[in-house]
Amino acid sequence: MIIDRRNFSSTKIFLLKRKKIFLLFLLSSFVISTNAQVKYSYVPSVTRILFVLDASGSMKEPFSGEKKMDIAKKILIHVTDSIAKANPKVEFGLRALGENFPREQNNCKDTKLEVPFSKNNSSQMATGLGKINPQGQTPLAYALFQAINDFPVDSTATNAIILITDGKETCGGDLCALA
């Protein structure tokens, strides 16, 4: 179609140009929005799982005829061994809280990284768990705050913390504020 500009006023030409620009804008936004729906899959270079284990005095108490700590240790050994066999790209770490000082000392900074992250370390996890003896307070918030620094700086990794506890914070920490 040929448009004779002599028959159009300058206002009509301006409106036609605006419509073309608007259509181009509409078309480009459609293309951008369809590209935004493309799903990219992220495959981490390594997955790191840090177990934060409550080793406070209450973990000596029985549950179904067995000490809570013994149950937790058996489950942790089984889980880490099973995951390691299924996925060699998983590294484990172990942080304990409440194990180094008796409850009477009221130590609210009682937490320690027992097993640092490394490849194929499920046997080190079992050894580290064997050394843990529950006795102290339960500084959950403090231990979780310290746990953040246990992970190596690695933007290509997926990191997870699994907290294993039978109780509540006994040192006045605020888990909600920490989160």
C-alpha atoms as a PDB file:
ATOM      1  CA  MET A   1       0.000   0.000   0.000  1.00  0.00           C
ATOM      2  CA  ILE A   2       1.388   3.361  -1.022  1.00  0.00           C
ATOM      3  CA  ILE A   3       0.563   6.308   1.178  1.00  0.00           C
ATOM      4  CA  ASP A   4       0.380   9.693  -0.460  1.00  0.00           C
ATOM      5  CA  ARG A   5       1.692  12.036   2.186  1.00  0.00           C
ATOM      6  CA  ARG A   6       0.012  15.003   0.571  1.00  0.00           C
ATOM      7  CA  ASN A   7      -3.380  13.661   1.695  1.00  0.00           C
ATOM      8  CA  PHE A   8      -2.274  13.197   5.340  1.00  0.00           C
ATOM      9  CA  SER A   9      -1.897  15.931   7.799  1.00  0.00           C
ATOM     10  CA  SER A  10       1.257  16.028   9.913  1.00  0.00           C
ATOM     11  CA  THR A  11      -0.806  14.858  12.909  1.00  0.00           C
ATOM     12  CA  LYS A  12      -1.911  11.694  11.098  1.00  0.00           C
ATOM     13  CA  ILE A  13       1.688  10.918  10.071  1.00  0.00           C
ATOM     14  CA  PHE A  14       2.804  11.387  13.694  1.00  0.00           C
ATOM     15  CA  LEU A  15       0.041   8.995  14.882  1.00  0.00           C
ATOM     16  CA  LEU A  16       1.072   6.379  12.320  1.00  0.00           C
ATOM     17  CA  LYS A  17       4.692   6.595  13.491  1.00  0.00           C
ATOM     18  CA  ARG A  18       3.555   6.275  17.112  1.00  0.00           C
ATOM     19  CA  LYS A  19       1.526   3.174  16.265  1.00  0.00           C
ATOM     20  CA  LYS A  20       4.547   1.616  14.548  1.00  0.00           C
ATOM     21  CA  ILE A  21       6.769   2.387  17.522  1.00  0.00           C
ATOM     22  CA  PHE A  22       4.144   1.021  19.908  1.00  0.00           C
ATOM     23  CA  LEU A  23       3.810  -2.183  17.853  1.00  0.00           C
ATOM     24  CA  LEU A  24       7.584  -2.594  17.781  1.00  0.00           C
ATOM     25  CA  PHE A  25       7.719  -2.076  21.523  1.00  0.00           C
ATOM     26  CA  LEU A  26       4.894  -4.569  22.052  1.00  0.00           C
ATOM     27  CA  LEU A  27       6.583  -7.125  19.825  1.00  0.00           C
ATOM     28  CA  SER A  28       9.963  -6.725  21.523  1.00  0.00           C
ATOM     29  CA  SER A  29       8.424  -7.062  24.989  1.00  0.00           C
ATOM     30  CA  PHE A  30       6.717 -10.274  23.856  1.00  0.00           C
ATOM     31  CA  VAL A  31      10.043 -11.656  22.641  1.00  0.00           C
ATOM     32  CA  ILE A  32      11.736 -10.682  25.916  1.00  0.00           C
ATOM     33  CA  SER A  33       8.962 -12.219  28.028  1.00  0.00           C
ATOM     34  CA  THR A  34       9.066 -15.494  26.096  1.00  0.00           C
ATOM     35  CA  ASN A  35      12.837 -15.665  26.557  1.00  0.00           C
ATOM     36  CA  ALA A  36      12.362 -15.109  30.290  1.00  0.00           C
ATOM     37  CA  GLN A  37      10.353 -18.314  30.435  1.00  0.00           C
ATOM     38  CA  VAL A  38      13.239 -20.445  29.216  1.00  0.00           C
ATOM     39  CA  LYS A  39      14.295 -22.651  32.101  1.00  0.00           C
ATOM     40  CA  TYR A  40      17.978 -22.999  32.781  1.00  0.00           C
ATOM     41  CA  SER A  41      19.151 -25.817  34.961  1.00  0.00           C
ATOM     42  CA  TYR A  42      21.879 -25.090  37.478  1.00  0.00           C
ATOM     43  CA  VAL A  43      24.171 -27.960  38.303  1.00  0.00           C
ATOM     44  CA  PRO A  44      26.317 -27.214  41.355  1.00  0.00           C
ATOM     45  CA  SER A  45      29.979 -28.163  41.294  1.00  0.00           C
ATOM     46  CA  VAL A  46      29.573 -29.673  44.755  1.00  0.00           C
ATOM     47  CA  THR A  47      26.913 -29.966  47.412  1.00  0.00           C
ATOM     48  CA  ARG A  48      27.984 -29.351  50.998  1.00  0.00           C
ATOM     49  CA  ILE A  49      25.878 -30.511  53.917  1.00  0.00           C
ATOM     50  CA  LEU A  50      26.755 -29.331  57.401  1.00  0.00           C
ATOM     51  CA  PHE A  51      25.176 -31.268  60.243  1.00  0.00           C
ATOM     52  CA  VAL A  52      24.827 -29.168  63.390  1.00  0.00           C
ATOM     53  CA  LEU A  53      24.402 -31.670  66.193  1.00  0.00           C
ATOM     54  CA  ASP A  54      23.016 -30.862  69.620  1.00  0.00           C
ATOM     55  CA  ALA A  55      25.383 -32.475  72.127  1.00  0.00           C
ATOM     56  CA  SER A  56      23.855 -30.806  75.172  1.00  0.00           C
ATOM     57  CA  GLY A  57      23.174 -32.696  78.383  1.00  0.00           C
ATOM     58  CA  SER A  58      19.613 -33.537  77.402  1.00  0.00           C
ATOM     59  CA  MET A  59      20.902 -35.748  74.572  1.00  0.00           C
ATOM     60  CA  LYS A  60      22.015 -38.259  77.252  1.00  0.00           C
ATOM     61  CA  GLU A  61      18.367 -38.884  78.122  1.00  0.00           C
ATOM     62  CA  PRO A  62      16.715 -42.074  76.868  1.00  0.00           C
ATOM     63  CA  PHE A  63      14.225 -42.256  74.028  1.00  0.00           C
ATOM     64  CA  SER A  64      12.590 -45.614  73.333  1.00  0.00           C
ATOM     65  CA  GLY A  65      15.161 -47.332  75.549  1.00  0.00           C
ATOM     66  CA  GLU A  66      18.238 -45.783  73.919  1.00  0.00           C
ATOM     67  CA  LYS A  67      20.122 -42.514  74.497  1.00  0.00           C
ATOM     68  CA  LYS A  68      19.039 -39.751  72.113  1.00  0.00           C
ATOM     69  CA  MET A  69      22.664 -39.129  71.177  1.00  0.00           C
ATOM     70  CA  ASP A  70      23.241 -42.768  70.250  1.00  0.00           C
ATOM     71  CA  ILE A  71      20.163 -42.704  68.012  1.00  0.00           C
ATOM     72  CA  ALA A  72      21.315 -39.476  66.352  1.00  0.00           C
ATOM     73  CA  LYS A  73      24.820 -40.856  65.765  1.00  0.00           C
ATOM     74  CA  LYS A  74      23.528 -44.072  64.171  1.00  0.00           C
ATOM     75  CA  ILE A  75      21.203 -42.163  61.862  1.00  0.00           C
ATOM     76  CA  LEU A  76      23.915 -39.674  60.874  1.00  0.00           C
ATOM     77  CA  ILE A  77      26.415 -42.417  60.064  1.00  0.00           C
ATOM     78  CA  HIS A  78      23.814 -44.246  57.977  1.00  0.00           C
ATOM     79  CA  VAL A  79      22.663 -41.102  56.146  1.00  0.00           C
ATOM     80  CA  THR A  80      26.146 -39.818  55.299  1.00  0.00           C
ATOM     81  CA  ASP A  81      27.281 -43.241  54.134  1.00  0.00           C
ATOM     82  CA  SER A  82      24.194 -43.702  51.937  1.00  0.00           C
ATOM     83  CA  ILE A  83      24.401 -40.230  50.388  1.00  0.00           C
ATOM     84  CA  ALA A  84      28.138 -40.569  49.747  1.00  0.00           C
ATOM     85  CA  LYS A  85      27.571 -43.832  47.863  1.00  0.00           C
ATOM     86  CA  ALA A  86      24.781 -42.293  45.772  1.00  0.00           C
ATOM     87  CA  ASN A  87      26.498 -38.987  45.008  1.00  0.00           C
ATOM     88  CA  PRO A  88      30.278 -38.559  45.251  1.00  0.00           C
ATOM     89  CA  LYS A  89      29.918 -34.770  44.755  1.00  0.00           C
ATOM     90  CA  VAL A  90      28.525 -34.359  48.267  1.00  0.00           C
ATOM     91  CA  GLU A  91      30.822 -33.195  51.043  1.00  0.00           C
ATOM     92  CA  PHE A  92      29.866 -33.372  54.708  1.00  0.00           C
ATOM     93  CA  GLY A  93      30.779 -31.310  57.715  1.00  0.00           C
ATOM     94  CA  LEU A  94      29.927 -31.734  61.391  1.00  0.00           C
ATOM     95  CA  ARG A  95      29.536 -29.013  64.011  1.00  0.00           C
ATOM     96  CA  ALA A  96      28.609 -29.949  67.578  1.00  0.00           C
ATOM     97  CA  LEU A  97      27.186 -27.721  70.281  1.00  0.00           C
ATOM     98  CA  GLY A  98      27.138 -28.273  74.014  1.00  0.00           C
ATOM     99  CA  GLU A  99      29.827 -30.951  74.151  1.00  0.00           C
ATOM    100  CA  ASN A 100      32.932 -29.268  75.555  1.00  0.00           C
ATOM    101  CA  PHE A 101      31.768 -27.793  78.866  1.00  0.00           C
ATOM    102  CA  PRO A 102      29.502 -29.232  81.579  1.00  0.00           C
ATOM    103  CA  ARG A 103      26.046 -27.718  81.906  1.00  0.00           C
ATOM    104  CA  GLU A 104      26.999 -26.134  85.260  1.00  0.00           C
ATOM    105  CA  GLN A 105      29.561 -23.874  83.556  1.00  0.00           C
ATOM    106  CA  ASN A 106      26.712 -22.347  81.517  1.00  0.00           C
ATOM    107  CA  ASN A 107      28.996 -21.857  78.493  1.00  0.00           C
ATOM    108  CA  CYS A 108      26.884 -20.315  75.740  1.00  0.00           C
ATOM    109  CA  LYS A 109      29.668 -20.322  73.160  1.00  0.00           C
ATOM    110  CA  ASP A 110      30.223 -24.067  73.344  1.00  0.00           C
ATOM    111  CA  THR A 111      30.353 -25.091  69.695  1.00  0.00           C
ATOM    112  CA  LYS A 112      33.061 -26.521  67.502  1.00  0.00           C
ATOM    113  CA  LEU A 113      33.514 -27.676  63.924  1.00  0.00           C
ATOM    114  CA  GLU A 114      34.390 -31.327  64.511  1.00  0.00           C
ATOM    115  CA  VAL A 115      34.682 -32.460  60.894  1.00  0.00           C
ATOM    116  CA  PRO A 116      35.529 -29.927  58.163  1.00  0.00           C
ATOM    117  CA  PHE A 117      34.257 -30.387  54.620  1.00  0.00           C
ATOM    118  CA  SER A 118      36.194 -32.684  52.328  1.00  0.00           C
ATOM    119  CA  LYS A 119      35.564 -35.255  49.635  1.00  0.00           C
ATOM    120  CA  ASN A 120      34.751 -38.829  50.610  1.00  0.00           C
ATOM    121  CA  ASN A 121      34.701 -38.067  54.330  1.00  0.00           C
ATOM    122  CA  SER A 122      31.893 -40.285  55.601  1.00  0.00           C
ATOM    123  CA  SER A 123      34.469 -42.283  57.606  1.00  0.00           C
ATOM    124  CA  GLN A 124      35.746 -39.040  59.203  1.00  0.00           C
ATOM    125  CA  MET A 125      32.137 -38.243  60.066  1.00  0.00           C
ATOM    126  CA  ALA A 126      31.826 -41.565  61.904  1.00  0.00           C
ATOM    127  CA  THR A 127      35.104 -40.935  63.749  1.00  0.00           C
ATOM    128  CA  GLY A 128      34.059 -37.391  64.685  1.00  0.00           C
ATOM    129  CA  LEU A 129      30.681 -38.576  65.941  1.00  0.00           C
ATOM    130  CA  GLY A 130      32.377 -41.202  68.084  1.00  0.00           C
ATOM    131  CA  LYS A 131      34.258 -38.489  70.008  1.00  0.00           C
ATOM    132  CA  ILE A 132      31.173 -36.463  70.927  1.00  0.00           C
ATOM    133  CA  ASN A 133      29.958 -36.727  74.513  1.00  0.00           C
ATOM    134  CA  PRO A 134      26.827 -34.723  75.405  1.00  0.00           C
ATOM    135  CA  GLN A 135      27.009 -32.595  78.537  1.00  0.00           C
ATOM    136  CA  GLY A 136      26.458 -28.829  78.161  1.00  0.00           C
ATOM    137  CA  GLN A 137      23.995 -26.088  77.312  1.00  0.00           C
ATOM    138  CA  THR A 138      22.144 -25.634  73.995  1.00  0.00           C
ATOM    139  CA  PRO A 139      23.439 -22.500  72.230  1.00  0.00           C
ATOM    140  CA  LEU A 140      21.497 -23.127  69.008  1.00  0.00           C
ATOM    141  CA  ALA A 141      21.535 -19.579  67.607  1.00  0.00           C
ATOM    142  CA  TYR A 142      25.227 -19.094  68.369  1.00  0.00           C
ATOM    143  CA  ALA A 143      26.158 -22.449  66.788  1.00  0.00           C
ATOM    144  CA  LEU A 144      24.152 -21.714  63.643  1.00  0.00           C
ATOM    145  CA  PHE A 145      25.731 -18.277  63.376  1.00  0.00           C
ATOM    146  CA  GLN A 146      29.185 -19.866  63.613  1.00  0.00           C
ATOM    147  CA  ALA A 147      28.182 -22.524  61.074  1.00  0.00           C
ATOM    148  CA  ILE A 148      27.944 -19.919  58.328  1.00  0.00           C
ATOM    149  CA  ASN A 149      31.740 -19.600  58.412  1.00  0.00           C
ATOM    150  CA  ASP A 150      32.260 -23.357  58.124  1.00  0.00           C
ATOM    151  CA  PHE A 151      31.475 -23.318  54.402  1.00  0.00           C
ATOM    152  CA  PRO A 152      34.293 -22.538  51.971  1.00  0.00           C
ATOM    153  CA  VAL A 153      33.655 -19.513  49.763  1.00  0.00           C
ATOM    154  CA  ASP A 154      32.415 -21.089  46.539  1.00  0.00           C
ATOM    155  CA  SER A 155      29.727 -19.495  44.383  1.00  0.00           C
ATOM    156  CA  THR A 156      29.311 -22.705  42.369  1.00  0.00           C
ATOM    157  CA  ALA A 157      28.373 -24.886  45.363  1.00  0.00           C
ATOM    158  CA  THR A 158      25.057 -25.650  46.980  1.00  0.00           C
ATOM    159  CA  ASN A 159      25.230 -25.415  50.769  1.00  0.00           C
ATOM    160  CA  ALA A 160      22.821 -26.826  53.334  1.00  0.00           C
ATOM    161  CA  ILE A 161      22.641 -26.918  57.117  1.00  0.00           C
ATOM    162  CA  ILE A 162      20.755 -29.674  58.902  1.00  0.00           C
ATOM    163  CA  LEU A 163      20.134 -29.047  62.593  1.00  0.00           C
ATOM    164  CA  ILE A 164      19.655 -32.092  64.799  1.00  0.00           C
ATOM    165  CA  THR A 165      18.351 -31.234  68.255  1.00  0.00           C
ATOM    166  CA  ASP A 166      15.959 -32.507  70.882  1.00  0.00           C
ATOM    167  CA  GLY A 167      15.370 -29.266  72.633  1.00  0.00           C
ATOM    168  CA  LYS A 168      15.269 -25.572  72.592  1.00  0.00           C
ATOM    169  CA  GLU A 169      17.714 -22.711  72.857  1.00  0.00           C
ATOM    170  CA  THR A 170      18.987 -22.473  76.466  1.00  0.00           C
ATOM    171  CA  CYS A 171      21.305 -19.495  76.007  1.00  0.00           C
ATOM    172  CA  GLY A 172      18.841 -16.752  75.110  1.00  0.00           C
ATOM    173  CA  GLY A 173      19.660 -16.742  71.394  1.00  0.00           C
ATOM    174  CA  ASP A 174      16.982 -15.715  68.907  1.00  0.00           C
ATOM    175  CA  LEU A 175      16.731 -18.201  66.052  1.00  0.00           C
ATOM    176  CA  CYS A 176      14.109 -16.114  64.226  1.00  0.00           C
ATOM    177  CA  ALA A 177      16.308 -13.012  64.270  1.00  0.00           C
ATOM    178  CA  LEU A 178      19.253 -15.103  63.070  1.00  0.00           C
ATOM    179  CA  ALA A 179      17.221 -16.458  60.153  1.00  0.00           C
END
